[in-house]
C-alpha cells in the first residue's frame, strides 16, 4: 500500500496474471467489499480464520495480511483499504513470486467475501 496524497491507496497490479484488485482492469479486476462498519469490524476475524493467513499490519483505515500457499509455501500479499467516498473496502491480493497464480488470489478474496456475507 502507498500513502501518496495523504490517504492509503492500493498499489497497482503488475502486468502478470497473479494479482487481482478492485482498482485493477480487465481480468485483474475484482469487486470491492461492502464498506459498512460491520463488515470492516468482522474482516480481521474472517482473515485470521483462513488457513495460512496472518495479519501483519492493521490501522483504522487499512489491513495488510500475508497468506502462505499450502504446497510450495509461497507468500501472497493481501491489502484492504477503507474507501468512505465510494462506500466500499478496496481489495488487492497478489503473489510475490512467479507469473501465474492459477486463480488462487481471486478465489481467496471471493472466500473472504462469502465468509463476510454469512454474518
PDB file of N, CA and C in Angstrom:
ATOM      1  N   UNK A   1       0.846  -1.177   0.000  1.00  0.00           N
ATOM      2  CA  UNK A   1       0.000   0.000   0.000  1.00  0.00           C
ATOM      3  C   UNK A   1       0.883   1.229   0.000  1.00  0.00           C
ATOM      4  N   UNK A   2       0.388   2.261  -0.593  1.00  0.00           N
ATOM      5  CA  UNK A   2       1.098   3.532  -0.553  1.00  0.00           C
ATOM      6  C   UNK A   2       0.203   4.560   0.131  1.00  0.00           C
ATOM      7  N   UNK A   3       0.820   5.613   0.618  1.00  0.00           N
ATOM      8  CA  UNK A   3       0.058   6.675   1.275  1.00  0.00           C
ATOM      9  C   UNK A   3       0.266   7.996   0.548  1.00  0.00           C
ATOM     10  N   UNK A   4       0.463   7.947  -0.752  1.00  0.00           N
ATOM     11  CA  UNK A   4       0.581   9.172  -1.534  1.00  0.00           C
ATOM     12  C   UNK A   4      -0.695   9.992  -1.379  1.00  0.00           C
ATOM     13  N   UNK A   5      -0.551  11.285  -1.385  1.00  0.00           N
ATOM     14  CA  UNK A   5      -1.678  12.219  -1.260  1.00  0.00           C
ATOM     15  C   UNK A   5      -2.373  12.102   0.087  1.00  0.00           C
ATOM     16  N   UNK A   6      -1.686  11.532   1.090  1.00  0.00           N
ATOM     17  CA  UNK A   6      -2.208  11.535   2.445  1.00  0.00           C
ATOM     18  C   UNK A   6      -3.106  10.395   2.840  1.00  0.00           C
ATOM     19  N   UNK A   7      -3.800   9.768   1.915  1.00  0.00           N
ATOM     20  CA  UNK A   7      -4.674   8.656   2.282  1.00  0.00           C
ATOM     21  C   UNK A   7      -4.142   7.370   1.660  1.00  0.00           C
ATOM     22  N   UNK A   8      -4.338   6.241   2.340  1.00  0.00           N
ATOM     23  CA  UNK A   8      -3.801   4.983   1.826  1.00  0.00           C
ATOM     24  C   UNK A   8      -4.435   4.596   0.491  1.00  0.00           C
ATOM     25  N   UNK A   9      -3.632   4.040  -0.376  1.00  0.00           N
ATOM     26  CA  UNK A   9      -4.074   3.603  -1.698  1.00  0.00           C
ATOM     27  C   UNK A   9      -3.520   2.211  -1.975  1.00  0.00           C
ATOM     28  N   UNK A  10      -4.248   1.433  -2.746  1.00  0.00           N
ATOM     29  CA  UNK A  10      -3.742   0.140  -3.185  1.00  0.00           C
ATOM     30  C   UNK A  10      -2.660   0.347  -4.241  1.00  0.00           C
ATOM     31  N   UNK A  11      -1.632  -0.494  -4.179  1.00  0.00           N
ATOM     32  CA  UNK A  11      -0.632  -0.487  -5.244  1.00  0.00           C
ATOM     33  C   UNK A  11      -1.255  -1.094  -6.500  1.00  0.00           C
ATOM     34  N   UNK A  12      -0.839  -0.653  -7.670  1.00  0.00           N
ATOM     35  CA  UNK A  12      -1.351  -1.274  -8.889  1.00  0.00           C
ATOM     36  C   UNK A  12      -0.849  -2.711  -9.020  1.00  0.00           C
ATOM     37  N   UNK A  13      -1.602  -3.525  -9.719  1.00  0.00           N
ATOM     38  CA  UNK A  13      -1.157  -4.884 -10.008  1.00  0.00           C
ATOM     39  C   UNK A  13      -0.052  -4.837 -11.058  1.00  0.00           C
ATOM     40  N   UNK A  14       0.930  -5.746 -10.938  1.00  0.00           N
ATOM     41  CA  UNK A  14       1.927  -5.850 -12.009  1.00  0.00           C
ATOM     42  C   UNK A  14       1.278  -6.434 -13.265  1.00  0.00           C
ATOM     43  N   UNK A  15       1.966  -6.417 -14.351  1.00  0.00           N
ATOM     44  CA  UNK A  15       1.430  -6.948 -15.614  1.00  0.00           C
ATOM     45  C   UNK A  15       1.623  -8.459 -15.678  1.00  0.00           C
ATOM     46  N   UNK A  16       1.132  -9.127 -14.666  1.00  0.00           N
ATOM     47  CA  UNK A  16       1.182 -10.589 -14.594  1.00  0.00           C
ATOM     48  C   UNK A  16      -0.171 -11.071 -14.084  1.00  0.00           C
ATOM     49  N   UNK A  17      -0.577 -12.270 -14.465  1.00  0.00           N
ATOM     50  CA  UNK A  17      -1.887 -12.776 -14.026  1.00  0.00           C
ATOM     51  C   UNK A  17      -1.863 -13.388 -12.628  1.00  0.00           C
ATOM     52  N   UNK A  18      -1.096 -12.805 -11.713  1.00  0.00           N
ATOM     53  CA  UNK A  18      -1.038 -13.330 -10.350  1.00  0.00           C
ATOM     54  C   UNK A  18      -1.492 -12.294  -9.328  1.00  0.00           C
ATOM     55  N   UNK A  19      -2.383 -11.397  -9.763  1.00  0.00           N
ATOM     56  CA  UNK A  19      -2.855 -10.316  -8.903  1.00  0.00           C
ATOM     57  C   UNK A  19      -4.276  -9.948  -9.304  1.00  0.00           C
ATOM     58  N   UNK A  20      -5.108  -9.674  -8.307  1.00  0.00           N
ATOM     59  CA  UNK A  20      -6.433  -9.102  -8.543  1.00  0.00           C
ATOM     60  C   UNK A  20      -6.607  -7.911  -7.613  1.00  0.00           C
ATOM     61  N   UNK A  21      -7.366  -6.926  -8.077  1.00  0.00           N
ATOM     62  CA  UNK A  21      -7.549  -5.708  -7.304  1.00  0.00           C
ATOM     63  C   UNK A  21      -8.856  -5.033  -7.699  1.00  0.00           C
ATOM     64  N   UNK A  22      -9.479  -4.395  -6.729  1.00  0.00           N
ATOM     65  CA  UNK A  22     -10.681  -3.617  -7.039  1.00  0.00           C
ATOM     66  C   UNK A  22     -10.326  -2.340  -7.794  1.00  0.00           C
ATOM     67  N   UNK A  23      -9.058  -2.047  -7.923  1.00  0.00           N
ATOM     68  CA  UNK A  23      -8.595  -0.921  -8.736  1.00  0.00           C
ATOM     69  C   UNK A  23      -7.999  -1.411 -10.056  1.00  0.00           C
ATOM     70  N   UNK A  24      -8.049  -2.729 -10.288  1.00  0.00           N
ATOM     71  CA  UNK A  24      -7.484  -3.310 -11.500  1.00  0.00           C
ATOM     72  C   UNK A  24      -8.402  -3.147 -12.692  1.00  0.00           C
ATOM     73  N   UNK A  25      -7.913  -3.623 -13.827  1.00  0.00           N
ATOM     74  CA  UNK A  25      -8.677  -3.566 -15.075  1.00  0.00           C
ATOM     75  C   UNK A  25      -8.717  -4.948 -15.702  1.00  0.00           C
ATOM     76  N   UNK A  26      -9.738  -5.165 -16.492  1.00  0.00           N
ATOM     77  CA  UNK A  26      -9.845  -6.424 -17.216  1.00  0.00           C
ATOM     78  C   UNK A  26      -9.883  -7.621 -16.284  1.00  0.00           C
ATOM     79  N   UNK A  27      -9.069  -8.625 -16.580  1.00  0.00           N
ATOM     80  CA  UNK A  27      -9.063  -9.860 -15.794  1.00  0.00           C
ATOM     81  C   UNK A  27      -8.516  -9.665 -14.384  1.00  0.00           C
ATOM     82  N   UNK A  28      -7.832  -8.561 -14.151  1.00  0.00           N
ATOM     83  CA  UNK A  28      -7.299  -8.301 -12.812  1.00  0.00           C
ATOM     84  C   UNK A  28      -8.311  -7.608 -11.902  1.00  0.00           C
ATOM     85  N   UNK A  29      -9.459  -7.227 -12.440  1.00  0.00           N
ATOM     86  CA  UNK A  29     -10.468  -6.537 -11.630  1.00  0.00           C
ATOM     87  C   UNK A  29     -11.262  -7.529 -10.788  1.00  0.00           C
ATOM     88  N   UNK A  30     -11.524  -7.127  -9.548  1.00  0.00           N
ATOM     89  CA  UNK A  30     -12.422  -7.849  -8.656  1.00  0.00           C
ATOM     90  C   UNK A  30     -13.254  -6.805  -7.922  1.00  0.00           C
ATOM     91  N   UNK A  31     -14.511  -7.120  -7.655  1.00  0.00           N
ATOM     92  CA  UNK A  31     -15.399  -6.178  -6.962  1.00  0.00           C
ATOM     93  C   UNK A  31     -14.854  -5.848  -5.567  1.00  0.00           C
ATOM     94  N   UNK A  32     -14.970  -4.588  -5.128  1.00  0.00           N
ATOM     95  CA  UNK A  32     -14.609  -4.262  -3.748  1.00  0.00           C
ATOM     96  C   UNK A  32     -15.603  -4.896  -2.782  1.00  0.00           C
ATOM     97  N   UNK A  33     -15.241  -4.920  -1.513  1.00  0.00           N
ATOM     98  CA  UNK A  33     -16.137  -5.419  -0.469  1.00  0.00           C
ATOM     99  C   UNK A  33     -17.077  -4.302  -0.035  1.00  0.00           C
ATOM    100  N   UNK A  34     -18.242  -4.657   0.532  1.00  0.00           N
ATOM    101  CA  UNK A  34     -19.122  -3.625   1.086  1.00  0.00           C
ATOM    102  C   UNK A  34     -18.379  -2.834   2.167  1.00  0.00           C
ATOM    103  N   UNK A  35     -18.633  -1.533   2.224  1.00  0.00           N
ATOM    104  CA  UNK A  35     -17.864  -0.679   3.119  1.00  0.00           C
ATOM    105  C   UNK A  35     -18.520  -0.320   4.431  1.00  0.00           C
ATOM    106  N   UNK A  36     -19.544  -1.061   4.840  1.00  0.00           N
ATOM    107  CA  UNK A  36     -20.204  -0.715   6.103  1.00  0.00           C
ATOM    108  C   UNK A  36     -19.310  -1.045   7.296  1.00  0.00           C
ATOM    109  N   UNK A  37     -19.593  -0.414   8.416  1.00  0.00           N
ATOM    110  CA  UNK A  37     -18.784  -0.568   9.632  1.00  0.00           C
ATOM    111  C   UNK A  37     -18.730  -2.015  10.102  1.00  0.00           C
ATOM    112  N   UNK A  38     -19.843  -2.718  10.027  1.00  0.00           N
ATOM    113  CA  UNK A  38     -19.875  -4.107  10.474  1.00  0.00           C
ATOM    114  C   UNK A  38     -18.952  -5.001   9.670  1.00  0.00           C
ATOM    115  N   UNK A  39     -18.910  -4.794   8.367  1.00  0.00           N
ATOM    116  CA  UNK A  39     -18.011  -5.581   7.517  1.00  0.00           C
ATOM    117  C   UNK A  39     -16.568  -5.323   7.899  1.00  0.00           C
ATOM    118  N   UNK A  40     -16.206  -4.058   8.098  1.00  0.00           N
ATOM    119  CA  UNK A  40     -14.829  -3.715   8.470  1.00  0.00           C
ATOM    120  C   UNK A  40     -14.456  -4.343   9.813  1.00  0.00           C
ATOM    121  N   UNK A  41     -15.370  -4.335  10.753  1.00  0.00           N
ATOM    122  CA  UNK A  41     -15.091  -4.902  12.076  1.00  0.00           C
ATOM    123  C   UNK A  41     -14.935  -6.418  12.030  1.00  0.00           C
ATOM    124  N   UNK A  42     -15.676  -7.094  11.148  1.00  0.00           N
ATOM    125  CA  UNK A  42     -15.593  -8.557  11.041  1.00  0.00           C
ATOM    126  C   UNK A  42     -14.413  -9.028  10.198  1.00  0.00           C
ATOM    127  N   UNK A  43     -13.898  -8.172   9.337  1.00  0.00           N
ATOM    128  CA  UNK A  43     -12.857  -8.565   8.393  1.00  0.00           C
ATOM    129  C   UNK A  43     -11.625  -9.195   9.051  1.00  0.00           C
ATOM    130  N   UNK A  44     -11.042  -8.635  10.114  1.00  0.00           N
ATOM    131  CA  UNK A  44      -9.866  -9.279  10.706  1.00  0.00           C
ATOM    132  C   UNK A  44     -10.126 -10.716  11.167  1.00  0.00           C
ATOM    133  N   UNK A  45     -11.260 -10.967  11.765  1.00  0.00           N
ATOM    134  CA  UNK A  45     -11.588 -12.317  12.213  1.00  0.00           C
ATOM    135  C   UNK A  45     -11.744 -13.286  11.061  1.00  0.00           C
ATOM    136  N   UNK A  46     -12.355 -12.825   9.974  1.00  0.00           N
ATOM    137  CA  UNK A  46     -12.505 -13.669   8.783  1.00  0.00           C
ATOM    138  C   UNK A  46     -11.131 -14.005   8.212  1.00  0.00           C
ATOM    139  N   UNK A  47     -10.251 -13.016   8.134  1.00  0.00           N
ATOM    140  CA  UNK A  47      -8.911 -13.262   7.597  1.00  0.00           C
ATOM    141  C   UNK A  47      -8.139 -14.252   8.455  1.00  0.00           C
ATOM    142  N   UNK A  48      -8.167 -14.060   9.758  1.00  0.00           N
ATOM    143  CA  UNK A  48      -7.405 -14.931  10.652  1.00  0.00           C
ATOM    144  C   UNK A  48      -7.942 -16.355  10.678  1.00  0.00           C
ATOM    145  N   UNK A  49      -9.196 -16.544  10.311  1.00  0.00           N
ATOM    146  CA  UNK A  49      -9.777 -17.888  10.270  1.00  0.00           C
ATOM    147  C   UNK A  49      -9.384 -18.651   9.004  1.00  0.00           C
ATOM    148  N   UNK A  50      -8.858 -17.955   8.001  1.00  0.00           N
ATOM    149  CA  UNK A  50      -8.441 -18.617   6.765  1.00  0.00           C
ATOM    150  C   UNK A  50      -7.105 -19.319   6.971  1.00  0.00           C
ATOM    151  N   UNK A  51      -6.975 -20.480   6.403  1.00  0.00           N
ATOM    152  CA  UNK A  51      -5.748 -21.263   6.516  1.00  0.00           C
ATOM    153  C   UNK A  51      -4.560 -20.511   5.914  1.00  0.00           C
ATOM    154  N   UNK A  52      -3.494 -20.371   6.689  1.00  0.00           N
ATOM    155  CA  UNK A  52      -2.262 -19.768   6.198  1.00  0.00           C
ATOM    156  C   UNK A  52      -2.232 -18.259   6.168  1.00  0.00           C
ATOM    157  N   UNK A  53      -3.285 -17.585   6.648  1.00  0.00           N
ATOM    158  CA  UNK A  53      -3.346 -16.121   6.587  1.00  0.00           C
ATOM    159  C   UNK A  53      -3.042 -15.534   7.957  1.00  0.00           C
ATOM    160  N   UNK A  54      -2.220 -14.487   7.966  1.00  0.00           N
ATOM    161  CA  UNK A  54      -1.967 -13.750   9.206  1.00  0.00           C
ATOM    162  C   UNK A  54      -1.932 -12.260   8.902  1.00  0.00           C
ATOM    163  N   UNK A  55      -2.495 -11.481   9.809  1.00  0.00           N
ATOM    164  CA  UNK A  55      -2.489 -10.023   9.671  1.00  0.00           C
ATOM    165  C   UNK A  55      -1.131  -9.516  10.132  1.00  0.00           C
ATOM    166  N   UNK A  56      -0.497  -8.687   9.307  1.00  0.00           N
ATOM    167  CA  UNK A  56       0.817  -8.153   9.656  1.00  0.00           C
ATOM    168  C   UNK A  56       0.768  -6.675  10.025  1.00  0.00           C
ATOM    169  N   UNK A  57      -0.297  -5.987   9.629  1.00  0.00           N
ATOM    170  CA  UNK A  57      -0.449  -4.572   9.988  1.00  0.00           C
ATOM    171  C   UNK A  57      -1.917  -4.195   9.895  1.00  0.00           C
ATOM    172  N   UNK A  58      -2.377  -3.442  10.890  1.00  0.00           N
ATOM    173  CA  UNK A  58      -3.769  -3.003  10.889  1.00  0.00           C
ATOM    174  C   UNK A  58      -3.846  -1.599  11.458  1.00  0.00           C
ATOM    175  N   UNK A  59      -4.552  -0.723  10.736  1.00  0.00           N
ATOM    176  CA  UNK A  59      -4.816   0.631  11.212  1.00  0.00           C
ATOM    177  C   UNK A  59      -6.324   0.855  11.127  1.00  0.00           C
ATOM    178  N   UNK A  60      -6.757   2.056  11.443  1.00  0.00           N
ATOM    179  CA  UNK A  60      -8.184   2.374  11.340  1.00  0.00           C
ATOM    180  C   UNK A  60      -8.670   2.345   9.895  1.00  0.00           C
ATOM    181  N   UNK A  61      -7.746   2.494   8.933  1.00  0.00           N
ATOM    182  CA  UNK A  61      -8.127   2.566   7.519  1.00  0.00           C
ATOM    183  C   UNK A  61      -7.625   1.415   6.662  1.00  0.00           C
ATOM    184  N   UNK A  62      -6.675   0.629   7.170  1.00  0.00           N
ATOM    185  CA  UNK A  62      -6.064  -0.409   6.336  1.00  0.00           C
ATOM    186  C   UNK A  62      -5.847  -1.709   7.101  1.00  0.00           C
ATOM    187  N   UNK A  63      -5.812  -2.787   6.349  1.00  0.00           N
ATOM    188  CA  UNK A  63      -5.372  -4.084   6.868  1.00  0.00           C
ATOM    189  C   UNK A  63      -4.436  -4.669   5.823  1.00  0.00           C
ATOM    190  N   UNK A  64      -3.277  -5.108   6.275  1.00  0.00           N
ATOM    191  CA  UNK A  64      -2.326  -5.792   5.407  1.00  0.00           C
ATOM    192  C   UNK A  64      -2.098  -7.178   5.985  1.00  0.00           C
ATOM    193  N   UNK A  65      -2.234  -8.188   5.143  1.00  0.00           N
ATOM    194  CA  UNK A  65      -2.077  -9.568   5.592  1.00  0.00           C
ATOM    195  C   UNK A  65      -1.193 -10.330   4.616  1.00  0.00           C
ATOM    196  N   UNK A  66      -0.684 -11.464   5.090  1.00  0.00           N
ATOM    197  CA  UNK A  66       0.096 -12.368   4.257  1.00  0.00           C
ATOM    198  C   UNK A  66      -0.570 -13.731   4.276  1.00  0.00           C
ATOM    199  N   UNK A  67      -0.527 -14.388   3.130  1.00  0.00           N
ATOM    200  CA  UNK A  67      -1.084 -15.738   3.016  1.00  0.00           C
ATOM    201  C   UNK A  67      -0.008 -16.648   2.443  1.00  0.00           C
ATOM    202  N   UNK A  68       0.225 -17.770   3.112  1.00  0.00           N
ATOM    203  CA  UNK A  68       1.174 -18.767   2.594  1.00  0.00           C
ATOM    204  C   UNK A  68       0.399 -19.832   1.839  1.00  0.00           C
ATOM    205  N   UNK A  69       0.851 -20.114   0.622  1.00  0.00           N
ATOM    206  CA  UNK A  69       0.206 -21.165  -0.148  1.00  0.00           C
ATOM    207  C   UNK A  69       0.513 -22.514   0.489  1.00  0.00           C
ATOM    208  N   UNK A  70      -0.412 -23.446   0.348  1.00  0.00           N
ATOM    209  CA  UNK A  70      -0.307 -24.725   1.049  1.00  0.00           C
ATOM    210  C   UNK A  70       0.863 -25.581   0.599  1.00  0.00           C
ATOM    211  N   UNK A  71       1.030 -25.730  -0.688  1.00  0.00           N
ATOM    212  CA  UNK A  71       2.002 -26.702  -1.178  1.00  0.00           C
ATOM    213  C   UNK A  71       3.419 -26.142  -1.191  1.00  0.00           C
ATOM    214  N   UNK A  72       3.647 -25.067  -1.917  1.00  0.00           N
ATOM    215  CA  UNK A  72       5.003 -24.546  -2.074  1.00  0.00           C
ATOM    216  C   UNK A  72       5.360 -23.463  -1.060  1.00  0.00           C
ATOM    217  N   UNK A  73       4.407 -23.070  -0.228  1.00  0.00           N
ATOM    218  CA  UNK A  73       4.633 -22.101   0.855  1.00  0.00           C
ATOM    219  C   UNK A  73       5.031 -20.712   0.350  1.00  0.00           C
ATOM    220  N   UNK A  74       4.593 -20.361  -0.882  1.00  0.00           N
ATOM    221  CA  UNK A  74       4.818 -19.011  -1.385  1.00  0.00           C
ATOM    222  C   UNK A  74       3.988 -18.029  -0.568  1.00  0.00           C
ATOM    223  N   UNK A  75       4.452 -16.782  -0.467  1.00  0.00           N
ATOM    224  CA  UNK A  75       3.723 -15.754   0.270  1.00  0.00           C
ATOM    225  C   UNK A  75       2.994 -14.841  -0.711  1.00  0.00           C
ATOM    226  N   UNK A  76       1.716 -14.641  -0.454  1.00  0.00           N
ATOM    227  CA  UNK A  76       0.896 -13.690  -1.202  1.00  0.00           C
ATOM    228  C   UNK A  76       0.541 -12.536  -0.264  1.00  0.00           C
ATOM    229  N   UNK A  77       0.406 -11.341  -0.822  1.00  0.00           N
ATOM    230  CA  UNK A  77       0.062 -10.152  -0.040  1.00  0.00           C
ATOM    231  C   UNK A  77      -1.396  -9.784  -0.250  1.00  0.00           C
ATOM    232  N   UNK A  78      -2.093  -9.500   0.852  1.00  0.00           N
ATOM    233  CA  UNK A  78      -3.488  -9.062   0.811  1.00  0.00           C
ATOM    234  C   UNK A  78      -3.566  -7.669   1.419  1.00  0.00           C
ATOM    235  N   UNK A  79      -4.217  -6.759   0.716  1.00  0.00           N
ATOM    236  CA  UNK A  79      -4.382  -5.387   1.193  1.00  0.00           C
ATOM    237  C   UNK A  79      -5.849  -5.000   1.143  1.00  0.00           C
ATOM    238  N   UNK A  80      -6.300  -4.336   2.212  1.00  0.00           N
ATOM    239  CA  UNK A  80      -7.683  -3.869   2.324  1.00  0.00           C
ATOM    240  C   UNK A  80      -7.638  -2.413   2.772  1.00  0.00           C
ATOM    241  N   UNK A  81      -8.340  -1.541   2.053  1.00  0.00           N
ATOM    242  CA  UNK A  81      -8.340  -0.109   2.359  1.00  0.00           C
ATOM    243  C   UNK A  81      -9.775   0.390   2.404  1.00  0.00           C
ATOM    244  N   UNK A  82     -10.138   1.024   3.510  1.00  0.00           N
ATOM    245  CA  UNK A  82     -11.468   1.639   3.611  1.00  0.00           C
ATOM    246  C   UNK A  82     -11.546   2.818   2.654  1.00  0.00           C
ATOM    247  N   UNK A  83     -12.642   2.880   1.910  1.00  0.00           N
ATOM    248  CA  UNK A  83     -12.858   3.961   0.944  1.00  0.00           C
ATOM    249  C   UNK A  83     -14.223   4.579   1.231  1.00  0.00           C
ATOM    250  N   UNK A  84     -14.284   5.499   2.216  1.00  0.00           N
ATOM    251  CA  UNK A  84     -15.574   6.062   2.609  1.00  0.00           C
ATOM    252  C   UNK A  84     -16.254   6.861   1.496  1.00  0.00           C
ATOM    253  N   UNK A  85     -15.481   7.455   0.600  1.00  0.00           N
ATOM    254  CA  UNK A  85     -16.084   8.214  -0.506  1.00  0.00           C
ATOM    255  C   UNK A  85     -16.912   7.313  -1.411  1.00  0.00           C
ATOM    256  N   UNK A  86     -16.431   6.105  -1.653  1.00  0.00           N
ATOM    257  CA  UNK A  86     -17.140   5.151  -2.509  1.00  0.00           C
ATOM    258  C   UNK A  86     -18.050   4.222  -1.708  1.00  0.00           C
ATOM    259  N   UNK A  87     -17.901   4.219  -0.375  1.00  0.00           N
ATOM    260  CA  UNK A  87     -18.709   3.344   0.471  1.00  0.00           C
ATOM    261  C   UNK A  87     -18.337   1.879   0.350  1.00  0.00           C
ATOM    262  N   UNK A  88     -17.034   1.616   0.096  1.00  0.00           N
ATOM    263  CA  UNK A  88     -16.569   0.242  -0.093  1.00  0.00           C
ATOM    264  C   UNK A  88     -15.236   0.030   0.618  1.00  0.00           C
ATOM    265  N   UNK A  89     -14.811  -1.223   0.643  1.00  0.00           N
ATOM    266  CA  UNK A  89     -13.464  -1.582   1.074  1.00  0.00           C
ATOM    267  C   UNK A  89     -12.730  -2.032  -0.187  1.00  0.00           C
ATOM    268  N   UNK A  90     -11.708  -1.280  -0.571  1.00  0.00           N
ATOM    269  CA  UNK A  90     -10.907  -1.653  -1.736  1.00  0.00           C
ATOM    270  C   UNK A  90     -10.022  -2.844  -1.366  1.00  0.00           C
ATOM    271  N   UNK A  91      -9.826  -3.773  -2.300  1.00  0.00           N
ATOM    272  CA  UNK A  91      -9.101  -5.013  -2.019  1.00  0.00           C
ATOM    273  C   UNK A  91      -8.031  -5.272  -3.075  1.00  0.00           C
ATOM    274  N   UNK A  92      -6.984  -5.964  -2.653  1.00  0.00           N
ATOM    275  CA  UNK A  92      -5.916  -6.400  -3.560  1.00  0.00           C
ATOM    276  C   UNK A  92      -5.310  -7.671  -2.984  1.00  0.00           C
ATOM    277  N   UNK A  93      -5.058  -8.645  -3.836  1.00  0.00           N
ATOM    278  CA  UNK A  93      -4.354  -9.858  -3.438  1.00  0.00           C
ATOM    279  C   UNK A  93      -3.389 -10.201  -4.558  1.00  0.00           C
ATOM    280  N   UNK A  94      -2.097 -10.357  -4.210  1.00  0.00           N
ATOM    281  CA  UNK A  94      -1.071 -10.562  -5.230  1.00  0.00           C
ATOM    282  C   UNK A  94      -0.002 -11.527  -4.750  1.00  0.00           C
ATOM    283  N   UNK A  95       0.478 -12.338  -5.668  1.00  0.00           N
ATOM    284  CA  UNK A  95       1.596 -13.230  -5.391  1.00  0.00           C
ATOM    285  C   UNK A  95       2.893 -12.436  -5.447  1.00  0.00           C
ATOM    286  N   UNK A  96       3.810 -12.742  -4.550  1.00  0.00           N
ATOM    287  CA  UNK A  96       5.110 -12.076  -4.578  1.00  0.00           C
ATOM    288  C   UNK A  96       6.014 -12.651  -5.666  1.00  0.00           C
ATOM    289  N   UNK A  97       5.885 -13.942  -5.918  1.00  0.00           N
ATOM    290  CA  UNK A  97       6.761 -14.629  -6.870  1.00  0.00           C
ATOM    291  C   UNK A  97       5.952 -15.260  -7.991  1.00  0.00           C
ATOM    292  N   UNK A  98       6.634 -15.566  -9.069  1.00  0.00           N
ATOM    293  CA  UNK A  98       6.014 -16.311 -10.150  1.00  0.00           C
ATOM    294  C   UNK A  98       5.239 -15.442 -11.113  1.00  0.00           C
ATOM    295  N   UNK A  99       4.669 -16.106 -12.094  1.00  0.00           N
ATOM    296  CA  UNK A  99       3.926 -15.407 -13.133  1.00  0.00           C
ATOM    297  C   UNK A  99       2.424 -15.597 -12.959  1.00  0.00           C
ATOM    298  N   UNK A 100       1.981 -16.833 -12.914  1.00  0.00           N
ATOM    299  CA  UNK A 100       0.553 -17.121 -12.762  1.00  0.00           C
ATOM    300  C   UNK A 100       0.286 -17.691 -11.377  1.00  0.00           C
ATOM    301  N   UNK A 101      -0.888 -17.399 -10.853  1.00  0.00           N
ATOM    302  CA  UNK A 101      -1.282 -17.955  -9.552  1.00  0.00           C
ATOM    303  C   UNK A 101      -2.385 -18.994  -9.693  1.00  0.00           C
ATOM    304  N   UNK A 102      -2.765 -19.302 -10.938  1.00  0.00           N
ATOM    305  CA  UNK A 102      -3.828 -20.276 -11.226  1.00  0.00           C
ATOM    306  C   UNK A 102      -5.147 -19.904 -10.549  1.00  0.00           C
ATOM    307  N   UNK A 103      -5.371 -18.603 -10.341  1.00  0.00           N
ATOM    308  CA  UNK A 103      -6.627 -18.126  -9.772  1.00  0.00           C
ATOM    309  C   UNK A 103      -6.709 -18.116  -8.259  1.00  0.00           C
ATOM    310  N   UNK A 104      -5.604 -18.414  -7.581  1.00  0.00           N
ATOM    311  CA  UNK A 104      -5.608 -18.512  -6.114  1.00  0.00           C
ATOM    312  C   UNK A 104      -5.994 -17.192  -5.459  1.00  0.00           C
ATOM    313  N   UNK A 105      -5.445 -16.075  -5.919  1.00  0.00           N
ATOM    314  CA  UNK A 105      -5.734 -14.788  -5.274  1.00  0.00           C
ATOM    315  C   UNK A 105      -7.198 -14.396  -5.421  1.00  0.00           C
ATOM    316  N   UNK A 106      -7.769 -14.616  -6.592  1.00  0.00           N
ATOM    317  CA  UNK A 106      -9.189 -14.316  -6.787  1.00  0.00           C
ATOM    318  C   UNK A 106     -10.048 -15.202  -5.883  1.00  0.00           C
ATOM    319  N   UNK A 107      -9.755 -16.492  -5.850  1.00  0.00           N
ATOM    320  CA  UNK A 107     -10.547 -17.411  -5.007  1.00  0.00           C
ATOM    321  C   UNK A 107     -10.446 -17.028  -3.532  1.00  0.00           C
ATOM    322  N   UNK A 108      -9.267 -16.613  -3.107  1.00  0.00           N
ATOM    323  CA  UNK A 108      -9.096 -16.230  -1.702  1.00  0.00           C
ATOM    324  C   UNK A 108      -9.984 -15.028  -1.363  1.00  0.00           C
ATOM    325  N   UNK A 109      -9.980 -14.009  -2.208  1.00  0.00           N
ATOM    326  CA  UNK A 109     -10.811 -12.832  -1.929  1.00  0.00           C
ATOM    327  C   UNK A 109     -12.294 -13.151  -2.033  1.00  0.00           C
ATOM    328  N   UNK A 110     -12.672 -14.034  -2.932  1.00  0.00           N
ATOM    329  CA  UNK A 110     -14.085 -14.430  -3.014  1.00  0.00           C
ATOM    330  C   UNK A 110     -14.488 -15.240  -1.783  1.00  0.00           C
ATOM    331  N   UNK A 111     -13.559 -16.006  -1.217  1.00  0.00           N
ATOM    332  CA  UNK A 111     -13.835 -16.710   0.039  1.00  0.00           C
ATOM    333  C   UNK A 111     -14.052 -15.702   1.161  1.00  0.00           C
ATOM    334  N   UNK A 112     -13.219 -14.671   1.223  1.00  0.00           N
ATOM    335  CA  UNK A 112     -13.394 -13.608   2.225  1.00  0.00           C
ATOM    336  C   UNK A 112     -14.775 -12.978   2.059  1.00  0.00           C
ATOM    337  N   UNK A 113     -15.146 -12.660   0.830  1.00  0.00           N
ATOM    338  CA  UNK A 113     -16.455 -12.054   0.561  1.00  0.00           C
ATOM    339  C   UNK A 113     -17.583 -12.970   1.041  1.00  0.00           C
ATOM    340  N   UNK A 114     -17.490 -14.259   0.731  1.00  0.00           N
ATOM    341  CA  UNK A 114     -18.522 -15.227   1.135  1.00  0.00           C
ATOM    342  C   UNK A 114     -18.628 -15.342   2.647  1.00  0.00           C
ATOM    343  N   UNK A 115     -17.491 -15.395   3.321  1.00  0.00           N
ATOM    344  CA  UNK A 115     -17.500 -15.502   4.784  1.00  0.00           C
ATOM    345  C   UNK A 115     -18.098 -14.251   5.423  1.00  0.00           C
ATOM    346  N   UNK A 116     -17.791 -13.086   4.887  1.00  0.00           N
ATOM    347  CA  UNK A 116     -18.365 -11.845   5.424  1.00  0.00           C
ATOM    348  C   UNK A 116     -19.872 -11.797   5.213  1.00  0.00           C
ATOM    349  N   UNK A 117     -20.351 -12.366   4.131  1.00  0.00           N
ATOM    350  CA  UNK A 117     -21.788 -12.356   3.832  1.00  0.00           C
ATOM    351  C   UNK A 117     -22.573 -13.277   4.756  1.00  0.00           C
ATOM    352  N   UNK A 118     -21.913 -14.239   5.393  1.00  0.00           N
ATOM    353  CA  UNK A 118     -22.594 -15.184   6.287  1.00  0.00           C
ATOM    354  C   UNK A 118     -23.082 -14.522   7.564  1.00  0.00           C
ATOM    355  N   UNK A 119     -22.371 -13.515   8.013  1.00  0.00           N
ATOM    356  CA  UNK A 119     -22.729 -12.886   9.300  1.00  0.00           C
ATOM    357  C   UNK A 119     -23.905 -11.953   9.173  1.00  0.00           C
TER     358      UNK A 119
END
